[in-house]
Amino acid sequence: MNYQVEGQKAVSAEGRDSELAEDLLLGAIAIAKELNWRNARGQWNVRRVYNLYSKGTLPIHHVRGLGICARKSSLRNFFSALDDRVSCRPDTATK
């Protein structure tokens, strides 16, 4: 299907869907795998994912009918923002 709005190029709905599907992480296991979080026994640390979800620390959501999910791009942006905050701190080591 192609959708076109006045003055815009036609966009394929299938293209947008596949981009979202590639960016979407469904379930705590998928999120733990993306972040490479394993517990002491080497299993994917879903407990950590649920803990951080319940605290609202990470951009992880619960969608009715889907369960717990996150976007890869949102997780990357979250951690990039943390890096930016650290790099903006004044250097206290030179005092």
PDB file of N, CA and C in Angstrom:
ATOM      1  N   MET A   1       0.832  -1.192   0.000  1.00  0.00           N
ATOM      2  CA  MET A   1       0.000   0.000   0.000  1.00  0.00           C
ATOM      3  C   MET A   1       0.869   1.245   0.000  1.00  0.00           C
ATOM      4  N   ASN A   2       0.470   2.208  -0.755  1.00  0.00           N
ATOM      5  CA  ASN A   2       1.155   3.496  -0.764  1.00  0.00           C
ATOM      6  C   ASN A   2       0.198   4.560  -0.268  1.00  0.00           C
ATOM      7  N   TYR A   3       0.712   5.402   0.610  1.00  0.00           N
ATOM      8  CA  TYR A   3      -0.064   6.512   1.134  1.00  0.00           C
ATOM      9  C   TYR A   3       0.609   7.791   0.695  1.00  0.00           C
ATOM     10  N   GLN A   4      -0.189   8.774   0.276  1.00  0.00           N
ATOM     11  CA  GLN A   4       0.418  10.014  -0.157  1.00  0.00           C
ATOM     12  C   GLN A   4      -0.364  11.181   0.422  1.00  0.00           C
ATOM     13  N   VAL A   5       0.363  12.112   1.009  1.00  0.00           N
ATOM     14  CA  VAL A   5      -0.205  13.334   1.536  1.00  0.00           C
ATOM     15  C   VAL A   5       0.252  14.442   0.611  1.00  0.00           C
ATOM     16  N   GLU A   6      -0.565  15.466   0.444  1.00  0.00           N
ATOM     17  CA  GLU A   6      -0.221  16.559  -0.455  1.00  0.00           C
ATOM     18  C   GLU A   6       1.186  17.068  -0.216  1.00  0.00           C
ATOM     19  N   GLY A   7       1.989  17.142  -1.255  1.00  0.00           N
ATOM     20  CA  GLY A   7       3.334  17.684  -1.154  1.00  0.00           C
ATOM     21  C   GLY A   7       4.366  16.721  -0.605  1.00  0.00           C
ATOM     22  N   GLN A   8       3.983  15.486  -0.324  1.00  0.00           N
ATOM     23  CA  GLN A   8       4.931  14.508   0.204  1.00  0.00           C
ATOM     24  C   GLN A   8       5.041  13.342  -0.767  1.00  0.00           C
ATOM     25  N   LYS A   9       6.172  12.682  -0.721  1.00  0.00           N
ATOM     26  CA  LYS A   9       6.364  11.496  -1.537  1.00  0.00           C
ATOM     27  C   LYS A   9       5.524  10.354  -0.983  1.00  0.00           C
ATOM     28  N   ALA A  10       5.155   9.436  -1.841  1.00  0.00           N
ATOM     29  CA  ALA A  10       4.431   8.250  -1.405  1.00  0.00           C
ATOM     30  C   ALA A  10       5.357   7.397  -0.546  1.00  0.00           C
ATOM     31  N   VAL A  11       4.814   6.876   0.527  1.00  0.00           N
ATOM     32  CA  VAL A  11       5.592   6.055   1.456  1.00  0.00           C
ATOM     33  C   VAL A  11       4.951   4.682   1.539  1.00  0.00           C
ATOM     34  N   SER A  12       5.762   3.672   1.494  1.00  0.00           N
ATOM     35  CA  SER A  12       5.259   2.302   1.583  1.00  0.00           C
ATOM     36  C   SER A  12       4.975   1.961   3.038  1.00  0.00           C
ATOM     37  N   ALA A  13       3.779   1.503   3.323  1.00  0.00           N
ATOM     38  CA  ALA A  13       3.424   1.105   4.687  1.00  0.00           C
ATOM     39  C   ALA A  13       4.235  -0.110   5.112  1.00  0.00           C
ATOM     40  N   GLU A  14       4.533  -0.996   4.171  1.00  0.00           N
ATOM     41  CA  GLU A  14       5.313  -2.186   4.507  1.00  0.00           C
ATOM     42  C   GLU A  14       6.706  -1.784   4.978  1.00  0.00           C
ATOM     43  N   GLY A  15       7.306  -0.777   4.383  1.00  0.00           N
ATOM     44  CA  GLY A  15       8.633  -0.309   4.770  1.00  0.00           C
ATOM     45  C   GLY A  15       8.654   0.203   6.195  1.00  0.00           C
ATOM     46  N   ARG A  16       7.658   0.961   6.560  1.00  0.00           N
ATOM     47  CA  ARG A  16       7.582   1.482   7.928  1.00  0.00           C
ATOM     48  C   ARG A  16       7.382   0.354   8.925  1.00  0.00           C
ATOM     49  N   ASP A  17       6.543  -0.601   8.590  1.00  0.00           N
ATOM     50  CA  ASP A  17       6.285  -1.723   9.488  1.00  0.00           C
ATOM     51  C   ASP A  17       7.547  -2.533   9.727  1.00  0.00           C
ATOM     52  N   SER A  18       8.324  -2.768   8.677  1.00  0.00           N
ATOM     53  CA  SER A  18       9.529  -3.569   8.852  1.00  0.00           C
ATOM     54  C   SER A  18      10.563  -2.807   9.663  1.00  0.00           C
ATOM     55  N   GLU A  19      10.626  -1.474   9.520  1.00  0.00           N
ATOM     56  CA  GLU A  19      11.555  -0.681  10.339  1.00  0.00           C
ATOM     57  C   GLU A  19      11.187  -0.789  11.810  1.00  0.00           C
ATOM     58  N   LEU A  20       9.917  -0.681  12.118  1.00  0.00           N
ATOM     59  CA  LEU A  20       9.464  -0.789  13.501  1.00  0.00           C
ATOM     60  C   LEU A  20       9.722  -2.198  14.029  1.00  0.00           C
ATOM     61  N   ALA A  21       9.433  -3.195  13.219  1.00  0.00           N
ATOM     62  CA  ALA A  21       9.644  -4.579  13.646  1.00  0.00           C
ATOM     63  C   ALA A  21      11.113  -4.830  13.962  1.00  0.00           C
ATOM     64  N   GLU A  22      12.018  -4.248  13.187  1.00  0.00           N
ATOM     65  CA  GLU A  22      13.449  -4.429  13.433  1.00  0.00           C
ATOM     66  C   GLU A  22      13.898  -3.688  14.693  1.00  0.00           C
ATOM     67  N   ASP A  23      13.199  -2.616  15.051  1.00  0.00           N
ATOM     68  CA  ASP A  23      13.565  -1.786  16.198  1.00  0.00           C
ATOM     69  C   ASP A  23      12.920  -2.270  17.498  1.00  0.00           C
ATOM     70  N   LEU A  24      11.874  -3.058  17.404  1.00  0.00           N
ATOM     71  CA  LEU A  24      11.081  -3.447  18.566  1.00  0.00           C
ATOM     72  C   LEU A  24      11.621  -4.706  19.232  1.00  0.00           C
ATOM     73  N   LEU A  25      11.709  -4.651  20.550  1.00  0.00           N
ATOM     74  CA  LEU A  25      12.110  -5.806  21.355  1.00  0.00           C
ATOM     75  C   LEU A  25      10.893  -6.245  22.165  1.00  0.00           C
ATOM     76  N   LEU A  26      10.417  -7.441  21.920  1.00  0.00           N
ATOM     77  CA  LEU A  26       9.246  -7.952  22.621  1.00  0.00           C
ATOM     78  C   LEU A  26       9.673  -8.967  23.675  1.00  0.00           C
ATOM     79  N   GLY A  27       9.391  -8.659  24.922  1.00  0.00           N
ATOM     80  CA  GLY A  27       9.683  -9.571  26.019  1.00  0.00           C
ATOM     81  C   GLY A  27      10.979  -9.237  26.735  1.00  0.00           C
ATOM     82  N   ALA A  28      11.031  -9.638  27.989  1.00  0.00           N
ATOM     83  CA  ALA A  28      12.197  -9.357  28.836  1.00  0.00           C
ATOM     84  C   ALA A  28      13.444 -10.081  28.340  1.00  0.00           C
ATOM     85  N   ILE A  29      13.274 -11.259  27.759  1.00  0.00           N
ATOM     86  CA  ILE A  29      14.435 -11.991  27.245  1.00  0.00           C
ATOM     87  C   ILE A  29      15.068 -11.226  26.091  1.00  0.00           C
ATOM     88  N   ALA A  30      14.253 -10.723  25.178  1.00  0.00           N
ATOM     89  CA  ALA A  30      14.775  -9.964  24.035  1.00  0.00           C
ATOM     90  C   ALA A  30      15.503  -8.702  24.498  1.00  0.00           C
ATOM     91  N   ILE A  31      14.960  -8.042  25.527  1.00  0.00           N
ATOM     92  CA  ILE A  31      15.594  -6.831  26.054  1.00  0.00           C
ATOM     93  C   ILE A  31      16.918  -7.193  26.727  1.00  0.00           C
ATOM     94  N   ALA A  32      16.927  -8.249  27.518  1.00  0.00           N
ATOM     95  CA  ALA A  32      18.163  -8.692  28.178  1.00  0.00           C
ATOM     96  C   ALA A  32      19.221  -9.089  27.148  1.00  0.00           C
ATOM     97  N   LYS A  33      18.812  -9.760  26.077  1.00  0.00           N
ATOM     98  CA  LYS A  33      19.755 -10.136  25.018  1.00  0.00           C
ATOM     99  C   LYS A  33      20.341  -8.899  24.355  1.00  0.00           C
ATOM    100  N   GLU A  34      19.501  -7.916  24.064  1.00  0.00           N
ATOM    101  CA  GLU A  34      19.974  -6.690  23.415  1.00  0.00           C
ATOM    102  C   GLU A  34      21.012  -5.979  24.282  1.00  0.00           C
ATOM    103  N   LEU A  35      20.794  -5.987  25.593  1.00  0.00           N
ATOM    104  CA  LEU A  35      21.709  -5.325  26.521  1.00  0.00           C
ATOM    105  C   LEU A  35      22.819  -6.268  27.000  1.00  0.00           C
ATOM    106  N   ASN A  36      22.771  -7.510  26.544  1.00  0.00           N
ATOM    107  CA  ASN A  36      23.760  -8.537  26.893  1.00  0.00           C
ATOM    108  C   ASN A  36      23.883  -8.716  28.410  1.00  0.00           C
ATOM    109  N   TRP A  37      22.728  -8.790  29.064  1.00  0.00           N
ATOM    110  CA  TRP A  37      22.682  -8.972  30.506  1.00  0.00           C
ATOM    111  C   TRP A  37      22.457 -10.440  30.828  1.00  0.00           C
ATOM    112  N   ARG A  38      23.425 -11.027  31.503  1.00  0.00           N
ATOM    113  CA  ARG A  38      23.311 -12.418  31.948  1.00  0.00           C
ATOM    114  C   ARG A  38      23.456 -12.458  33.465  1.00  0.00           C
ATOM    115  N   ASN A  39      22.824 -13.425  34.081  1.00  0.00           N
ATOM    116  CA  ASN A  39      22.965 -13.596  35.527  1.00  0.00           C
ATOM    117  C   ASN A  39      24.184 -14.470  35.821  1.00  0.00           C
ATOM    118  N   ALA A  40      24.408 -14.794  37.080  1.00  0.00           N
ATOM    119  CA  ALA A  40      25.593 -15.563  37.488  1.00  0.00           C
ATOM    120  C   ALA A  40      25.633 -16.959  36.869  1.00  0.00           C
ATOM    121  N   ARG A  41      24.468 -17.501  36.522  1.00  0.00           N
ATOM    122  CA  ARG A  41      24.409 -18.837  35.909  1.00  0.00           C
ATOM    123  C   ARG A  41      24.493 -18.792  34.388  1.00  0.00           C
ATOM    124  N   GLY A  42      24.647 -17.587  33.837  1.00  0.00           N
ATOM    125  CA  GLY A  42      24.771 -17.443  32.390  1.00  0.00           C
ATOM    126  C   GLY A  42      23.453 -17.344  31.648  1.00  0.00           C
ATOM    127  N   GLN A  43      22.342 -17.298  32.382  1.00  0.00           N
ATOM    128  CA  GLN A  43      21.027 -17.154  31.744  1.00  0.00           C
ATOM    129  C   GLN A  43      20.736 -15.674  31.542  1.00  0.00           C
ATOM    130  N   TRP A  44      19.837 -15.380  30.606  1.00  0.00           N
ATOM    131  CA  TRP A  44      19.460 -13.979  30.366  1.00  0.00           C
ATOM    132  C   TRP A  44      18.791 -13.416  31.608  1.00  0.00           C
ATOM    133  N   ASN A  45      19.236 -12.253  32.055  1.00  0.00           N
ATOM    134  CA  ASN A  45      18.809 -11.678  33.327  1.00  0.00           C
ATOM    135  C   ASN A  45      17.503 -10.889  33.164  1.00  0.00           C
ATOM    136  N   VAL A  46      16.393 -11.620  33.065  1.00  0.00           N
ATOM    137  CA  VAL A  46      15.090 -10.974  32.915  1.00  0.00           C
ATOM    138  C   VAL A  46      14.673 -10.284  34.210  1.00  0.00           C
ATOM    139  N   ARG A  47      15.148 -10.781  35.325  1.00  0.00           N
ATOM    140  CA  ARG A  47      14.825 -10.166  36.615  1.00  0.00           C
ATOM    141  C   ARG A  47      15.308  -8.708  36.642  1.00  0.00           C
ATOM    142  N   ARG A  48      16.498  -8.479  36.120  1.00  0.00           N
ATOM    143  CA  ARG A  48      17.057  -7.125  36.061  1.00  0.00           C
ATOM    144  C   ARG A  48      16.198  -6.221  35.165  1.00  0.00           C
ATOM    145  N   VAL A  49      15.743  -6.781  34.054  1.00  0.00           N
ATOM    146  CA  VAL A  49      14.882  -6.018  33.135  1.00  0.00           C
ATOM    147  C   VAL A  49      13.599  -5.616  33.844  1.00  0.00           C
ATOM    148  N   TYR A  50      12.933  -6.575  34.497  1.00  0.00           N
ATOM    149  CA  TYR A  50      11.680  -6.275  35.201  1.00  0.00           C
ATOM    150  C   TYR A  50      11.907  -5.304  36.357  1.00  0.00           C
ATOM    151  N   ASN A  51      13.020  -5.423  37.054  1.00  0.00           N
ATOM    152  CA  ASN A  51      13.332  -4.515  38.152  1.00  0.00           C
ATOM    153  C   ASN A  51      13.462  -3.075  37.650  1.00  0.00           C
ATOM    154  N   LEU A  52      14.237  -2.891  36.587  1.00  0.00           N
ATOM    155  CA  LEU A  52      14.422  -1.538  36.045  1.00  0.00           C
ATOM    156  C   LEU A  52      13.142  -1.008  35.408  1.00  0.00           C
ATOM    157  N   TYR A  53      12.328  -1.893  34.840  1.00  0.00           N
ATOM    158  CA  TYR A  53      11.027  -1.487  34.312  1.00  0.00           C
ATOM    159  C   TYR A  53      10.146  -0.965  35.443  1.00  0.00           C
ATOM    160  N   SER A  54      10.096  -1.703  36.561  1.00  0.00           N
ATOM    161  CA  SER A  54       9.224  -1.306  37.680  1.00  0.00           C
ATOM    162  C   SER A  54       9.659   0.008  38.307  1.00  0.00           C
ATOM    163  N   LYS A  55      10.961   0.304  38.259  1.00  0.00           N
ATOM    164  CA  LYS A  55      11.471   1.569  38.783  1.00  0.00           C
ATOM    165  C   LYS A  55      11.313   2.721  37.792  1.00  0.00           C
ATOM    166  N   GLY A  56      11.046   2.384  36.533  1.00  0.00           N
ATOM    167  CA  GLY A  56      10.922   3.423  35.504  1.00  0.00           C
ATOM    168  C   GLY A  56      12.264   3.987  35.078  1.00  0.00           C
ATOM    169  N   THR A  57      13.313   3.240  35.311  1.00  0.00           N
ATOM    170  CA  THR A  57      14.664   3.710  35.015  1.00  0.00           C
ATOM    171  C   THR A  57      14.968   3.714  33.522  1.00  0.00           C
ATOM    172  N   LEU A  58      14.582   2.673  32.836  1.00  0.00           N
ATOM    173  CA  LEU A  58      14.860   2.537  31.406  1.00  0.00           C
ATOM    174  C   LEU A  58      13.587   2.738  30.594  1.00  0.00           C
ATOM    175  N   PRO A  59      13.724   3.092  29.310  1.00  0.00           N
ATOM    176  CA  PRO A  59      12.534   3.249  28.460  1.00  0.00           C
ATOM    177  C   PRO A  59      11.966   1.888  28.045  1.00  0.00           C
ATOM    178  N   ILE A  60      11.405   1.194  29.032  1.00  0.00           N
ATOM    179  CA  ILE A  60      10.769  -0.104  28.827  1.00  0.00           C
ATOM    180  C   ILE A  60       9.288   0.082  29.157  1.00  0.00           C
ATOM    181  N   HIS A  61       8.426  -0.507  28.361  1.00  0.00           N
ATOM    182  CA  HIS A  61       6.988  -0.285  28.508  1.00  0.00           C
ATOM    183  C   HIS A  61       6.245  -1.607  28.622  1.00  0.00           C
ATOM    184  N   HIS A  62       5.064  -1.527  29.176  1.00  0.00           N
ATOM    185  CA  HIS A  62       4.155  -2.670  29.157  1.00  0.00           C
ATOM    186  C   HIS A  62       2.973  -2.274  28.297  1.00  0.00           C
ATOM    187  N   VAL A  63       2.784  -3.001  27.222  1.00  0.00           N
ATOM    188  CA  VAL A  63       1.684  -2.727  26.299  1.00  0.00           C
ATOM    189  C   VAL A  63       0.693  -3.870  26.418  1.00  0.00           C
ATOM    190  N   ARG A  64      -0.543  -3.497  26.684  1.00  0.00           N
ATOM    191  CA  ARG A  64      -1.583  -4.503  26.835  1.00  0.00           C
ATOM    192  C   ARG A  64      -1.666  -5.353  25.566  1.00  0.00           C
ATOM    193  N   GLY A  65      -1.614  -6.632  25.719  1.00  0.00           N
ATOM    194  CA  GLY A  65      -1.669  -7.545  24.587  1.00  0.00           C
ATOM    195  C   GLY A  65      -0.295  -7.930  24.050  1.00  0.00           C
ATOM    196  N   LEU A  66       0.721  -7.117  24.335  1.00  0.00           N
ATOM    197  CA  LEU A  66       2.090  -7.425  23.900  1.00  0.00           C
ATOM    198  C   LEU A  66       2.976  -7.825  25.056  1.00  0.00           C
ATOM    199  N   GLY A  67       2.725  -7.262  26.210  1.00  0.00           N
ATOM    200  CA  GLY A  67       3.587  -7.489  27.364  1.00  0.00           C
ATOM    201  C   GLY A  67       4.673  -6.433  27.426  1.00  0.00           C
ATOM    202  N   ILE A  68       5.781  -6.787  28.028  1.00  0.00           N
ATOM    203  CA  ILE A  68       6.882  -5.859  28.212  1.00  0.00           C
ATOM    204  C   ILE A  68       7.634  -5.712  26.882  1.00  0.00           C
ATOM    205  N   CYS A  69       7.986  -4.472  26.537  1.00  0.00           N
ATOM    206  CA  CYS A  69       8.673  -4.233  25.275  1.00  0.00           C
ATOM    207  C   CYS A  69       9.493  -2.948  25.352  1.00  0.00           C
ATOM    208  N   ALA A  70      10.404  -2.813  24.412  1.00  0.00           N
ATOM    209  CA  ALA A  70      11.247  -1.623  24.318  1.00  0.00           C
ATOM    210  C   ALA A  70      11.685  -1.474  22.874  1.00  0.00           C
ATOM    211  N   ARG A  71      12.148  -0.286  22.551  1.00  0.00           N
ATOM    212  CA  ARG A  71      12.720  -0.052  21.225  1.00  0.00           C
ATOM    213  C   ARG A  71      14.236  -0.011  21.357  1.00  0.00           C
ATOM    214  N   LYS A  72      14.917  -0.663  20.444  1.00  0.00           N
ATOM    215  CA  LYS A  72      16.380  -0.646  20.450  1.00  0.00           C
ATOM    216  C   LYS A  72      16.883   0.787  20.393  1.00  0.00           C
ATOM    217  N   SER A  73      16.274   1.603  19.536  1.00  0.00           N
ATOM    218  CA  SER A  73      16.718   2.991  19.370  1.00  0.00           C
ATOM    219  C   SER A  73      16.521   3.797  20.649  1.00  0.00           C
ATOM    220  N   SER A  74      15.456   3.546  21.386  1.00  0.00           N
ATOM    221  CA  SER A  74      15.220   4.268  22.644  1.00  0.00           C
ATOM    222  C   SER A  74      16.252   3.885  23.695  1.00  0.00           C
ATOM    223  N   LEU A  75      16.598   2.607  23.750  1.00  0.00           N
ATOM    224  CA  LEU A  75      17.623   2.169  24.698  1.00  0.00           C
ATOM    225  C   LEU A  75      18.974   2.782  24.341  1.00  0.00           C
ATOM    226  N   ARG A  76      19.311   2.809  23.050  1.00  0.00           N
ATOM    227  CA  ARG A  76      20.579   3.429  22.624  1.00  0.00           C
ATOM    228  C   ARG A  76      20.598   4.911  22.970  1.00  0.00           C
ATOM    229  N   ASN A  77      19.487   5.599  22.696  1.00  0.00           N
ATOM    230  CA  ASN A  77      19.400   7.032  23.006  1.00  0.00           C
ATOM    231  C   ASN A  77      19.536   7.285  24.497  1.00  0.00           C
ATOM    232  N   PHE A  78      18.935   6.419  25.312  1.00  0.00           N
ATOM    233  CA  PHE A  78      19.018   6.553  26.760  1.00  0.00           C
ATOM    234  C   PHE A  78      20.466   6.491  27.220  1.00  0.00           C
ATOM    235  N   PHE A  79      21.205   5.478  26.754  1.00  0.00           N
ATOM    236  CA  PHE A  79      22.590   5.335  27.177  1.00  0.00           C
ATOM    237  C   PHE A  79      23.492   6.392  26.550  1.00  0.00           C
ATOM    238  N   SER A  80      23.176   6.853  25.358  1.00  0.00           N
ATOM    239  CA  SER A  80      23.936   7.950  24.744  1.00  0.00           C
ATOM    240  C   SER A  80      23.778   9.232  25.556  1.00  0.00           C
ATOM    241  N   ALA A  81      22.557   9.471  26.046  1.00  0.00           N
ATOM    242  CA  ALA A  81      22.314  10.651  26.877  1.00  0.00           C
ATOM    243  C   ALA A  81      23.124  10.577  28.171  1.00  0.00           C
ATOM    244  N   LEU A  82      23.266   9.386  28.737  1.00  0.00           N
ATOM    245  CA  LEU A  82      24.106   9.232  29.931  1.00  0.00           C
ATOM    246  C   LEU A  82      25.551   9.577  29.607  1.00  0.00           C
ATOM    247  N   ASP A  83      26.036   9.112  28.456  1.00  0.00           N
ATOM    248  CA  ASP A  83      27.403   9.439  28.034  1.00  0.00           C
ATOM    249  C   ASP A  83      27.579  10.940  27.882  1.00  0.00           C
ATOM    250  N   ASP A  84      26.574  11.600  27.304  1.00  0.00           N
ATOM    251  CA  ASP A  84      26.646  13.049  27.103  1.00  0.00           C
ATOM    252  C   ASP A  84      26.707  13.789  28.429  1.00  0.00           C
ATOM    253  N   ARG A  85      25.944  13.305  29.428  1.00  0.00           N
ATOM    254  CA  ARG A  85      25.969  13.957  30.745  1.00  0.00           C
ATOM    255  C   ARG A  85      27.335  13.835  31.395  1.00  0.00           C
ATOM    256  N   VAL A  86      27.965  12.683  31.241  1.00  0.00           N
ATOM    257  CA  VAL A  86      29.285  12.469  31.840  1.00  0.00           C
ATOM    258  C   VAL A  86      30.327  13.353  31.158  1.00  0.00           C
ATOM    259  N   SER A  87      30.258  13.453  29.850  1.00  0.00           N
ATOM    260  CA  SER A  87      31.254  14.242  29.117  1.00  0.00           C
ATOM    261  C   SER A  87      31.071  15.742  29.343  1.00  0.00           C
ATOM    262  N   CYS A  88      29.917  16.169  29.816  1.00  0.00           N
ATOM    263  CA  CYS A  88      29.663  17.596  30.075  1.00  0.00           C
ATOM    264  C   CYS A  88      30.063  18.021  31.488  1.00  0.00           C
ATOM    265  N   ARG A  89      30.402  17.064  32.356  1.00  0.00           N
ATOM    266  CA  ARG A  89      30.801  17.388  33.723  1.00  0.00           C
ATOM    267  C   ARG A  89      32.111  18.149  33.710  1.00  0.00           C
ATOM    268  N   PRO A  90      32.239  19.136  34.590  1.00  0.00           N
ATOM    269  CA  PRO A  90      33.522  19.823  34.708  1.00  0.00           C
ATOM    270  C   PRO A  90      34.592  18.862  35.213  1.00  0.00           C
ATOM    271  N   ASP A  91      35.784  19.006  34.723  1.00  0.00           N
ATOM    272  CA  ASP A  91      36.881  18.115  35.121  1.00  0.00           C
ATOM    273  C   ASP A  91      37.393  18.525  36.481  1.00  0.00           C
ATOM    274  N   THR A  92      37.156  17.680  37.474  1.00  0.00           N
ATOM    275  CA  THR A  92      37.592  17.980  38.838  1.00  0.00           C
ATOM    276  C   THR A  92      38.989  17.458  39.115  1.00  0.00           C
ATOM    277  N   ALA A  93      39.532  16.649  38.221  1.00  0.00           N
ATOM    278  CA  ALA A  93      40.856  16.066  38.432  1.00  0.00           C
ATOM    279  C   ALA A  93      41.980  17.081  38.225  1.00  0.00           C
ATOM    280  N   THR A  94      41.711  18.182  37.526  1.00  0.00           N
ATOM    281  CA  THR A  94      42.765  19.158  37.227  1.00  0.00           C
ATOM    282  C   THR A  94      42.942  20.180  38.337  1.00  0.00           C
ATOM    283  N   LYS A  95      42.108  20.133  39.357  1.00  0.00           N
ATOM    284  CA  LYS A  95      42.213  21.121  40.448  1.00  0.00           C
ATOM    285  C   LYS A  95      43.337  20.830  41.369  1.00  0.00           C
TER     286      LYS A  95
END
